Amino acid sequence: MSAAAPTYDLVMLLDPEAEDDARAKPLADARAAIESQGELLRHDAWGNRALAYAIHRRSAAEYHLLQFHAPSPELLRTLDRSLRIADEVLRFRIVKLKPGTPDAPDMHAAPAPAPPRRGVESDAAPRPAGGPAAPAAPAAAQAQADAPATERPSEGEDTLAAPAEGAAPEPGAEQAP
């Protein structure tokens, strides 16, 4: 009993600024090589998407996913060589999938909302009742915030200035003669 041919994913990032015919050529060549030496399972055109970082001064690329069976390593060498020399291919990656790997996501479907990140609160979502309280403020800052407005120093006023006449001295503070 012979083992089934391994499954591979080929992800190609094509230059969106290249001519349509020039951009389609490496894709068509890759498909033709796969269909002649292996079995093409699916081709997903994911469209133009922003890159995480610039590649050859490009901030976006046209993404394509080709999933295929390759019965021999010769197909992989052929794809690797042809994609390396194609100027329209910004990046590509061929990955061997383990048996039981789930199918690639449908990138044309509406993306699911991302779960909220831990520790980050947004203005749109109020904090649930009984949730974690805000961290306690330092005692000095809390005392200043609780003091009546007349005793608070105004903006730009020195907080270490001598107390007003008739005010009780702070404990442990030296008094001038």
N, C-alpha and C. Protein backbone atom coordinates (compact mmCIF):
# COMPACT_ATOMS: atom_id res chain seq x y z
N MET A 1 0.83 -1.18 0.00
CA MET A 1 0.00 0.00 0.00
C MET A 1 0.88 1.24 0.00
N SER A 2 0.71 2.10 -0.98
CA SER A 2 1.53 3.31 -1.07
C SER A 2 0.87 4.44 -0.28
N ALA A 3 1.71 5.26 0.29
CA ALA A 3 1.21 6.40 1.07
C ALA A 3 0.72 7.49 0.11
N ALA A 4 -0.28 8.22 0.56
CA ALA A 4 -0.80 9.32 -0.25
C ALA A 4 0.26 10.41 -0.36
N ALA A 5 0.23 11.14 -1.45
CA ALA A 5 1.19 12.22 -1.66
C ALA A 5 0.95 13.30 -0.61
N PRO A 6 2.03 13.86 -0.06
CA PRO A 6 1.86 14.91 0.95
C PRO A 6 1.18 16.15 0.38
N THR A 7 0.51 16.87 1.26
CA THR A 7 -0.18 18.10 0.88
C THR A 7 0.70 19.30 1.23
N TYR A 8 0.73 20.27 0.33
CA TYR A 8 1.54 21.47 0.52
C TYR A 8 0.68 22.71 0.32
N ASP A 9 1.05 23.78 1.01
CA ASP A 9 0.48 25.11 0.78
C ASP A 9 1.56 25.96 0.14
N LEU A 10 1.21 26.65 -0.93
CA LEU A 10 2.09 27.64 -1.55
C LEU A 10 1.40 28.98 -1.41
N VAL A 11 2.01 29.89 -0.67
CA VAL A 11 1.48 31.24 -0.53
C VAL A 11 2.39 32.15 -1.33
N MET A 12 1.79 32.90 -2.25
CA MET A 12 2.54 33.81 -3.11
C MET A 12 2.09 35.24 -2.86
N LEU A 13 3.06 36.15 -2.75
CA LEU A 13 2.79 37.58 -2.65
C LEU A 13 3.29 38.20 -3.94
N LEU A 14 2.35 38.70 -4.74
CA LEU A 14 2.70 39.27 -6.04
C LEU A 14 2.70 40.79 -5.96
N ASP A 15 3.53 41.41 -6.78
CA ASP A 15 3.66 42.86 -6.83
C ASP A 15 2.40 43.46 -7.45
N PRO A 16 1.62 44.24 -6.70
CA PRO A 16 0.39 44.80 -7.27
C PRO A 16 0.65 45.91 -8.29
N GLU A 17 1.86 46.43 -8.34
CA GLU A 17 2.18 47.50 -9.29
C GLU A 17 2.67 46.97 -10.63
N ALA A 18 2.87 45.65 -10.73
CA ALA A 18 3.31 45.05 -11.99
C ALA A 18 2.13 44.99 -12.96
N GLU A 19 2.45 44.89 -14.24
CA GLU A 19 1.43 44.75 -15.27
C GLU A 19 0.58 43.51 -14.99
N ASP A 20 -0.69 43.55 -15.36
CA ASP A 20 -1.58 42.41 -15.10
C ASP A 20 -1.06 41.13 -15.75
N ASP A 21 -0.60 41.23 -17.01
CA ASP A 21 -0.09 40.04 -17.71
C ASP A 21 1.18 39.51 -17.04
N ALA A 22 2.06 40.41 -16.64
CA ALA A 22 3.31 40.00 -16.00
C ALA A 22 3.04 39.37 -14.63
N ARG A 23 2.06 39.90 -13.92
CA ARG A 23 1.72 39.38 -12.60
C ARG A 23 1.03 38.01 -12.72
N ALA A 24 0.27 37.79 -13.78
CA ALA A 24 -0.45 36.53 -13.96
C ALA A 24 0.47 35.40 -14.42
N LYS A 25 1.60 35.73 -15.05
CA LYS A 25 2.49 34.70 -15.59
C LYS A 25 3.07 33.78 -14.52
N PRO A 26 3.68 34.28 -13.44
CA PRO A 26 4.22 33.33 -12.44
C PRO A 26 3.12 32.48 -11.79
N LEU A 27 1.95 33.05 -11.64
CA LEU A 27 0.83 32.32 -11.07
C LEU A 27 0.39 31.20 -12.02
N ALA A 28 0.27 31.52 -13.30
CA ALA A 28 -0.12 30.52 -14.29
C ALA A 28 0.96 29.43 -14.43
N ASP A 29 2.23 29.83 -14.37
CA ASP A 29 3.32 28.85 -14.46
C ASP A 29 3.30 27.90 -13.26
N ALA A 30 3.05 28.44 -12.07
CA ALA A 30 2.99 27.60 -10.86
C ALA A 30 1.82 26.63 -10.96
N ARG A 31 0.67 27.12 -11.39
CA ARG A 31 -0.50 26.24 -11.54
C ARG A 31 -0.23 25.14 -12.57
N ALA A 32 0.38 25.51 -13.69
CA ALA A 32 0.67 24.52 -14.74
C ALA A 32 1.65 23.46 -14.23
N ALA A 33 2.68 23.87 -13.49
CA ALA A 33 3.65 22.91 -12.96
C ALA A 33 2.98 21.96 -11.96
N ILE A 34 2.12 22.51 -11.11
CA ILE A 34 1.43 21.68 -10.12
C ILE A 34 0.50 20.70 -10.81
N GLU A 35 -0.26 21.17 -11.81
CA GLU A 35 -1.22 20.29 -12.49
C GLU A 35 -0.52 19.23 -13.33
N SER A 36 0.69 19.51 -13.84
CA SER A 36 1.38 18.52 -14.67
C SER A 36 2.10 17.46 -13.83
N GLN A 37 2.62 17.84 -12.64
CA GLN A 37 3.39 16.89 -11.84
C GLN A 37 2.70 16.46 -10.55
N GLY A 38 1.58 17.10 -10.21
CA GLY A 38 0.90 16.78 -8.96
C GLY A 38 -0.60 16.97 -9.14
N GLU A 39 -1.25 17.37 -8.05
CA GLU A 39 -2.69 17.58 -8.08
C GLU A 39 -3.01 18.88 -7.35
N LEU A 40 -3.63 19.82 -8.05
CA LEU A 40 -4.04 21.09 -7.45
C LEU A 40 -5.35 20.88 -6.71
N LEU A 41 -5.36 21.13 -5.41
CA LEU A 41 -6.56 20.95 -4.60
C LEU A 41 -7.41 22.21 -4.56
N ARG A 42 -6.78 23.36 -4.41
CA ARG A 42 -7.52 24.62 -4.36
C ARG A 42 -6.60 25.78 -4.68
N HIS A 43 -7.20 26.84 -5.18
CA HIS A 43 -6.50 28.10 -5.43
C HIS A 43 -7.39 29.20 -4.89
N ASP A 44 -6.92 29.90 -3.89
CA ASP A 44 -7.65 31.02 -3.31
C ASP A 44 -6.91 32.31 -3.62
N ALA A 45 -7.59 33.22 -4.30
CA ALA A 45 -7.04 34.56 -4.52
C ALA A 45 -7.55 35.43 -3.39
N TRP A 46 -6.66 35.83 -2.50
CA TRP A 46 -7.06 36.60 -1.33
C TRP A 46 -7.08 38.10 -1.59
N GLY A 47 -6.64 38.52 -2.77
CA GLY A 47 -6.69 39.93 -3.13
C GLY A 47 -5.53 40.73 -2.56
N ASN A 48 -5.63 42.04 -2.73
CA ASN A 48 -4.59 42.94 -2.25
C ASN A 48 -4.76 43.17 -0.76
N ARG A 49 -3.65 43.05 -0.06
CA ARG A 49 -3.65 43.25 1.40
C ARG A 49 -2.38 44.00 1.78
N ALA A 50 -2.49 44.74 2.88
CA ALA A 50 -1.33 45.49 3.38
C ALA A 50 -0.29 44.52 3.93
N LEU A 51 0.95 44.87 3.75
CA LEU A 51 2.06 44.08 4.28
C LEU A 51 2.40 44.57 5.68
N ALA A 52 2.92 43.71 6.50
CA ALA A 52 3.34 44.11 7.85
C ALA A 52 4.55 45.03 7.78
N TYR A 53 5.39 44.86 6.78
CA TYR A 53 6.54 45.72 6.57
C TYR A 53 6.78 45.79 5.07
N ALA A 54 7.45 46.81 4.63
CA ALA A 54 7.68 47.02 3.20
C ALA A 54 8.63 45.95 2.64
N ILE A 55 8.28 45.45 1.46
CA ILE A 55 9.12 44.51 0.73
C ILE A 55 9.38 45.14 -0.63
N HIS A 56 10.64 45.38 -0.93
CA HIS A 56 11.02 46.05 -2.19
C HIS A 56 10.24 47.36 -2.36
N ARG A 57 10.11 48.09 -1.29
CA ARG A 57 9.43 49.38 -1.25
C ARG A 57 7.94 49.29 -1.60
N ARG A 58 7.36 48.15 -1.39
CA ARG A 58 5.92 47.95 -1.61
C ARG A 58 5.26 47.78 -0.25
N SER A 59 4.13 48.43 -0.04
CA SER A 59 3.43 48.33 1.24
C SER A 59 2.21 47.41 1.15
N ALA A 60 1.93 46.90 -0.04
CA ALA A 60 0.81 45.98 -0.24
C ALA A 60 1.24 44.90 -1.24
N ALA A 61 0.51 43.80 -1.23
CA ALA A 61 0.80 42.71 -2.16
C ALA A 61 -0.50 42.00 -2.48
N GLU A 62 -0.50 41.32 -3.63
CA GLU A 62 -1.63 40.49 -4.03
C GLU A 62 -1.33 39.08 -3.55
N TYR A 63 -2.20 38.56 -2.66
CA TYR A 63 -1.98 37.27 -2.02
C TYR A 63 -2.71 36.15 -2.78
N HIS A 64 -2.03 35.00 -2.89
CA HIS A 64 -2.61 33.80 -3.49
C HIS A 64 -2.19 32.59 -2.66
N LEU A 65 -3.14 31.68 -2.45
CA LEU A 65 -2.86 30.42 -1.76
C LEU A 65 -3.18 29.29 -2.74
N LEU A 66 -2.19 28.43 -2.98
CA LEU A 66 -2.40 27.24 -3.79
C LEU A 66 -2.12 26.04 -2.90
N GLN A 67 -3.08 25.14 -2.79
CA GLN A 67 -2.90 23.94 -1.99
C GLN A 67 -2.85 22.76 -2.97
N PHE A 68 -1.86 21.89 -2.79
CA PHE A 68 -1.65 20.83 -3.78
C PHE A 68 -1.00 19.61 -3.15
N HIS A 69 -1.10 18.49 -3.88
CA HIS A 69 -0.39 17.26 -3.55
C HIS A 69 0.84 17.20 -4.44
N ALA A 70 1.97 16.87 -3.85
CA ALA A 70 3.21 16.72 -4.62
C ALA A 70 3.75 15.32 -4.40
N PRO A 71 3.67 14.46 -5.41
CA PRO A 71 4.14 13.09 -5.24
C PRO A 71 5.67 12.97 -5.20
N SER A 72 6.37 13.98 -5.74
CA SER A 72 7.84 13.90 -5.75
C SER A 72 8.43 15.27 -5.38
N PRO A 73 9.65 15.27 -4.86
CA PRO A 73 10.30 16.54 -4.52
C PRO A 73 10.70 17.35 -5.75
N GLU A 74 10.66 16.72 -6.91
CA GLU A 74 11.01 17.45 -8.14
C GLU A 74 10.07 18.62 -8.38
N LEU A 75 8.79 18.45 -8.09
CA LEU A 75 7.82 19.54 -8.25
C LEU A 75 8.18 20.71 -7.34
N LEU A 76 8.58 20.42 -6.14
CA LEU A 76 8.95 21.48 -5.20
C LEU A 76 10.18 22.24 -5.68
N ARG A 77 11.16 21.54 -6.22
CA ARG A 77 12.36 22.20 -6.75
C ARG A 77 12.00 23.07 -7.95
N THR A 78 11.10 22.58 -8.81
CA THR A 78 10.68 23.35 -9.98
C THR A 78 9.99 24.65 -9.55
N LEU A 79 9.06 24.54 -8.60
CA LEU A 79 8.35 25.72 -8.11
C LEU A 79 9.31 26.70 -7.45
N ASP A 80 10.21 26.19 -6.64
CA ASP A 80 11.15 27.05 -5.93
C ASP A 80 12.01 27.84 -6.92
N ARG A 81 12.52 27.16 -7.93
CA ARG A 81 13.39 27.83 -8.90
C ARG A 81 12.62 28.87 -9.71
N SER A 82 11.45 28.53 -10.20
CA SER A 82 10.72 29.47 -11.05
C SER A 82 10.21 30.67 -10.26
N LEU A 83 9.83 30.48 -9.01
CA LEU A 83 9.32 31.61 -8.22
C LEU A 83 10.44 32.52 -7.73
N ARG A 84 11.64 31.96 -7.52
CA ARG A 84 12.77 32.78 -7.10
C ARG A 84 13.21 33.76 -8.18
N ILE A 85 13.11 33.38 -9.44
CA ILE A 85 13.61 34.25 -10.50
C ILE A 85 12.54 35.17 -11.08
N ALA A 86 11.30 35.01 -10.67
CA ALA A 86 10.22 35.87 -11.18
C ALA A 86 10.24 37.20 -10.42
N ASP A 87 10.41 38.29 -11.16
CA ASP A 87 10.47 39.62 -10.54
C ASP A 87 9.14 40.04 -9.93
N GLU A 88 8.04 39.53 -10.42
CA GLU A 88 6.71 39.93 -9.95
C GLU A 88 6.35 39.28 -8.61
N VAL A 89 7.10 38.27 -8.19
CA VAL A 89 6.85 37.58 -6.92
C VAL A 89 7.67 38.27 -5.84
N LEU A 90 6.97 38.94 -4.91
CA LEU A 90 7.68 39.60 -3.82
C LEU A 90 8.18 38.59 -2.80
N ARG A 91 7.33 37.65 -2.42
CA ARG A 91 7.67 36.59 -1.49
C ARG A 91 6.82 35.36 -1.81
N PHE A 92 7.32 34.19 -1.43
CA PHE A 92 6.53 32.97 -1.52
C PHE A 92 7.01 32.03 -0.44
N ARG A 93 6.16 31.12 -0.07
CA ARG A 93 6.50 30.13 0.96
C ARG A 93 5.76 28.84 0.62
N ILE A 94 6.50 27.74 0.64
CA ILE A 94 5.91 26.41 0.44
C ILE A 94 6.02 25.68 1.78
N VAL A 95 4.87 25.24 2.28
CA VAL A 95 4.81 24.60 3.59
C VAL A 95 4.16 23.23 3.44
N LYS A 96 4.81 22.20 4.01
CA LYS A 96 4.23 20.86 4.01
C LYS A 96 3.25 20.76 5.17
N LEU A 97 2.03 20.36 4.88
CA LEU A 97 0.99 20.26 5.91
C LEU A 97 1.01 18.90 6.56
N LYS A 98 0.84 18.88 7.86
CA LYS A 98 0.72 17.61 8.58
C LYS A 98 -0.65 17.02 8.32
N PRO A 99 -0.78 15.71 8.33
CA PRO A 99 -2.11 15.11 8.16
C PRO A 99 -3.04 15.58 9.27
N GLY A 100 -4.28 15.92 8.90
CA GLY A 100 -5.25 16.39 9.86
C GLY A 100 -5.25 17.90 10.05
N THR A 101 -4.41 18.62 9.32
CA THR A 101 -4.40 20.07 9.42
C THR A 101 -5.72 20.61 8.89
N PRO A 102 -6.37 21.53 9.61
CA PRO A 102 -7.64 22.07 9.12
C PRO A 102 -7.45 22.87 7.84
N ASP A 103 -8.55 23.01 7.09
CA ASP A 103 -8.51 23.76 5.84
C ASP A 103 -8.16 25.21 6.11
N ALA A 104 -7.62 25.85 5.09
CA ALA A 104 -7.31 27.28 5.18
C ALA A 104 -8.61 28.06 5.31
N PRO A 105 -8.58 29.19 6.00
CA PRO A 105 -9.80 29.97 6.17
C PRO A 105 -10.25 30.60 4.87
N ASP A 106 -11.53 30.88 4.78
CA ASP A 106 -12.08 31.59 3.62
C ASP A 106 -11.85 33.07 3.85
N MET A 107 -10.91 33.65 3.14
CA MET A 107 -10.53 35.04 3.36
C MET A 107 -11.53 36.03 2.76
N HIS A 108 -12.50 35.53 1.99
CA HIS A 108 -13.51 36.43 1.42
C HIS A 108 -14.67 36.64 2.38
N ALA A 109 -14.81 35.78 3.37
CA ALA A 109 -15.88 35.93 4.36
C ALA A 109 -15.55 37.10 5.28
N ALA A 110 -16.58 37.66 5.89
CA ALA A 110 -16.38 38.77 6.82
C ALA A 110 -15.58 38.27 8.01
N PRO A 111 -14.55 39.01 8.42
CA PRO A 111 -13.74 38.55 9.53
C PRO A 111 -14.54 38.56 10.83
N ALA A 112 -14.28 37.59 11.67
CA ALA A 112 -14.93 37.52 12.97
C ALA A 112 -14.37 38.64 13.85
N PRO A 113 -15.20 39.22 14.70
CA PRO A 113 -14.68 40.28 15.56
C PRO A 113 -13.60 39.73 16.49
N ALA A 114 -12.56 40.50 16.65
CA ALA A 114 -11.46 40.07 17.49
C ALA A 114 -11.88 40.13 18.95
N PRO A 115 -11.45 39.16 19.74
CA PRO A 115 -11.78 39.22 21.16
C PRO A 115 -11.06 40.40 21.80
N PRO A 116 -11.62 41.00 22.84
CA PRO A 116 -10.96 42.14 23.46
C PRO A 116 -9.65 41.72 24.07
N ARG A 117 -8.68 42.60 23.98
CA ARG A 117 -7.38 42.30 24.54
C ARG A 117 -7.43 42.48 26.04
N ARG A 118 -6.69 41.68 26.74
CA ARG A 118 -6.67 41.76 28.20
C ARG A 118 -5.94 43.02 28.62
N GLY A 119 -6.48 43.70 29.60
CA GLY A 119 -5.83 44.87 30.16
C GLY A 119 -6.08 46.15 29.39
N VAL A 120 -6.81 46.09 28.31
CA VAL A 120 -7.09 47.28 27.51
C VAL A 120 -8.58 47.52 27.53
N GLU A 121 -8.98 48.70 27.96
CA GLU A 121 -10.40 49.05 27.98
C GLU A 121 -10.66 50.05 26.88
N SER A 122 -11.77 49.90 26.22
CA SER A 122 -12.12 50.85 25.19
C SER A 122 -13.26 51.73 25.69
N ASP A 123 -13.44 52.87 25.04
CA ASP A 123 -14.52 53.77 25.41
C ASP A 123 -15.87 53.20 25.02
N ALA A 124 -15.89 52.35 23.99
CA ALA A 124 -17.15 51.83 23.48
C ALA A 124 -17.75 50.78 24.43
N ALA A 125 -16.93 50.04 25.11
CA ALA A 125 -17.43 48.98 25.98
C ALA A 125 -17.25 49.38 27.43
N PRO A 126 -18.33 49.63 28.16
CA PRO A 126 -18.19 49.98 29.56
C PRO A 126 -17.71 48.78 30.36
N ARG A 127 -17.05 49.06 31.47
CA ARG A 127 -16.55 48.00 32.33
C ARG A 127 -17.73 47.36 33.03
N PRO A 128 -17.76 46.03 33.09
CA PRO A 128 -18.88 45.35 33.75
C PRO A 128 -18.88 45.66 35.24
N ALA A 129 -20.10 45.63 35.82
CA ALA A 129 -20.23 45.88 37.25
C ALA A 129 -19.52 44.78 38.01
N GLY A 130 -18.85 45.16 39.07
CA GLY A 130 -18.13 44.18 39.87
C GLY A 130 -16.81 43.80 39.26
N GLY A 131 -16.40 44.50 38.22
CA GLY A 131 -15.13 44.21 37.55
C GLY A 131 -13.99 44.71 38.41
N PRO A 132 -12.78 44.57 37.91
CA PRO A 132 -11.63 45.00 38.70
C PRO A 132 -11.66 46.51 38.89
N ALA A 133 -11.32 46.93 40.09
CA ALA A 133 -11.30 48.35 40.41
C ALA A 133 -10.03 48.97 39.87
N ALA A 134 -10.05 50.29 39.75
CA ALA A 134 -8.87 51.02 39.31
C ALA A 134 -7.80 50.90 40.38
N PRO A 135 -6.54 50.92 40.01
CA PRO A 135 -5.48 50.81 41.00
C PRO A 135 -5.54 52.01 41.96
N ALA A 136 -5.17 51.76 43.21
CA ALA A 136 -5.22 52.81 44.22
C ALA A 136 -4.18 53.87 43.91
N ALA A 137 -4.56 55.13 44.12
CA ALA A 137 -3.64 56.25 43.91
C ALA A 137 -2.73 56.35 45.12
N PRO A 138 -1.53 56.90 44.97
CA PRO A 138 -0.66 57.09 46.11
C PRO A 138 -1.35 57.96 47.15
N ALA A 139 -1.01 57.75 48.41
CA ALA A 139 -1.68 58.43 49.51
C ALA A 139 -1.58 59.94 49.40
N ALA A 140 -0.41 60.46 49.02
CA ALA A 140 -0.24 61.91 48.93
C ALA A 140 -1.13 62.50 47.85
N ALA A 141 -1.18 61.84 46.70
CA ALA A 141 -2.01 62.34 45.61
C ALA A 141 -3.47 62.23 45.98
N GLN A 142 -3.86 61.16 46.69
CA GLN A 142 -5.25 61.00 47.10
C GLN A 142 -5.63 62.07 48.12
N ALA A 143 -4.73 62.36 49.06
CA ALA A 143 -5.00 63.39 50.07
C ALA A 143 -5.16 64.74 49.42
N GLN A 144 -4.32 65.04 48.42
CA GLN A 144 -4.41 66.32 47.73
C GLN A 144 -5.71 66.40 46.95
N ALA A 145 -6.13 65.29 46.35
CA ALA A 145 -7.37 65.30 45.59
C ALA A 145 -8.58 65.46 46.50
N ASP A 146 -8.49 64.93 47.74
CA ASP A 146 -9.59 65.03 48.68
C ASP A 146 -9.65 66.39 49.39
N ALA A 147 -8.57 67.15 49.36
CA ALA A 147 -8.53 68.44 50.05
C ALA A 147 -9.49 69.42 49.39
N PRO A 148 -10.06 70.35 50.18
CA PRO A 148 -10.93 71.37 49.60
C PRO A 148 -10.16 72.21 48.59
N ALA A 149 -10.87 72.79 47.65
CA ALA A 149 -10.25 73.56 46.57
C ALA A 149 -9.42 74.71 47.10
N THR A 150 -9.78 75.31 48.23
CA THR A 150 -9.04 76.46 48.75
C THR A 150 -7.68 76.05 49.27
N GLU A 151 -7.51 74.80 49.67
CA GLU A 151 -6.23 74.37 50.21
C GLU A 151 -5.33 73.78 49.14
N ARG A 152 -5.84 73.53 47.97
CA ARG A 152 -5.03 72.95 46.90
C ARG A 152 -4.14 74.04 46.30
N PRO A 153 -2.93 73.70 45.97
CA PRO A 153 -2.09 74.69 45.30
C PRO A 153 -2.60 74.89 43.88
N SER A 154 -2.53 76.12 43.42
CA SER A 154 -2.96 76.38 42.05
C SER A 154 -1.87 75.92 41.10
N GLU A 155 -2.23 75.83 39.85
CA GLU A 155 -1.28 75.33 38.88
C GLU A 155 -0.07 76.24 38.82
N GLY A 156 1.10 75.66 38.86
CA GLY A 156 2.34 76.42 38.80
C GLY A 156 2.80 76.86 40.18
N GLU A 157 1.98 76.74 41.22
CA GLU A 157 2.36 77.15 42.57
C GLU A 157 3.21 76.06 43.18
N ASP A 158 4.18 76.47 43.95
CA ASP A 158 5.08 75.53 44.59
C ASP A 158 4.35 74.81 45.71
N THR A 159 4.35 73.50 45.69
CA THR A 159 3.65 72.73 46.73
C THR A 159 4.46 72.64 48.00
N LEU A 160 5.74 73.00 47.97
CA LEU A 160 6.58 72.94 49.16
C LEU A 160 6.67 74.29 49.85
N ALA A 161 5.88 75.25 49.42
CA ALA A 161 5.91 76.58 50.02
C ALA A 161 5.44 76.51 51.47
N ALA A 162 5.79 77.53 52.23
CA ALA A 162 5.41 77.59 53.64
C ALA A 162 3.90 77.65 53.75
N PRO A 163 3.33 77.07 54.82
CA PRO A 163 1.88 77.11 54.98
C PRO A 163 1.40 78.53 55.24
N ALA A 164 0.18 78.77 54.90
CA ALA A 164 -0.40 80.10 55.11
C ALA A 164 -0.45 80.41 56.59
N GLU A 165 -0.53 81.72 56.92
CA GLU A 165 -0.58 82.13 58.32
C GLU A 165 -1.79 81.53 58.99
N GLY A 166 -1.60 81.07 60.20
CA GLY A 166 -2.69 80.52 60.97
C GLY A 166 -2.95 79.05 60.68
N ALA A 167 -2.29 78.51 59.70
CA ALA A 167 -2.49 77.10 59.37
C ALA A 167 -1.65 76.27 60.30
N ALA A 168 -2.14 75.15 60.67
CA ALA A 168 -1.40 74.27 61.57
C ALA A 168 -0.23 73.67 60.82
N PRO A 169 0.91 73.60 61.50
CA PRO A 169 2.08 73.02 60.81
C PRO A 169 1.89 71.51 60.64
N GLU A 170 2.52 71.01 59.59
CA GLU A 170 2.45 69.58 59.35
C GLU A 170 3.29 68.86 60.40
N PRO A 171 2.88 67.69 60.80
CA PRO A 171 3.68 66.94 61.78
C PRO A 171 5.07 66.64 61.22
N GLY A 172 6.09 66.81 62.02
CA GLY A 172 7.45 66.53 61.61
C GLY A 172 8.08 67.64 60.82
N ALA A 173 7.37 68.69 60.52
CA ALA A 173 7.93 69.80 59.75
C ALA A 173 8.56 70.79 60.70
N GLU A 174 9.71 71.33 60.30
CA GLU A 174 10.36 72.35 61.14
C GLU A 174 9.72 73.69 60.87
N GLN A 175 9.62 74.49 61.96
CA GLN A 175 9.06 75.83 61.79
C GLN A 175 10.18 76.82 61.79
N ALA A 176 10.07 77.86 60.98
CA ALA A 176 11.07 78.93 60.95
C ALA A 176 10.85 79.83 62.14
N PRO A 177 11.93 80.37 62.78
CA PRO A 177 11.76 81.24 63.95
C PRO A 177 11.19 82.59 63.64
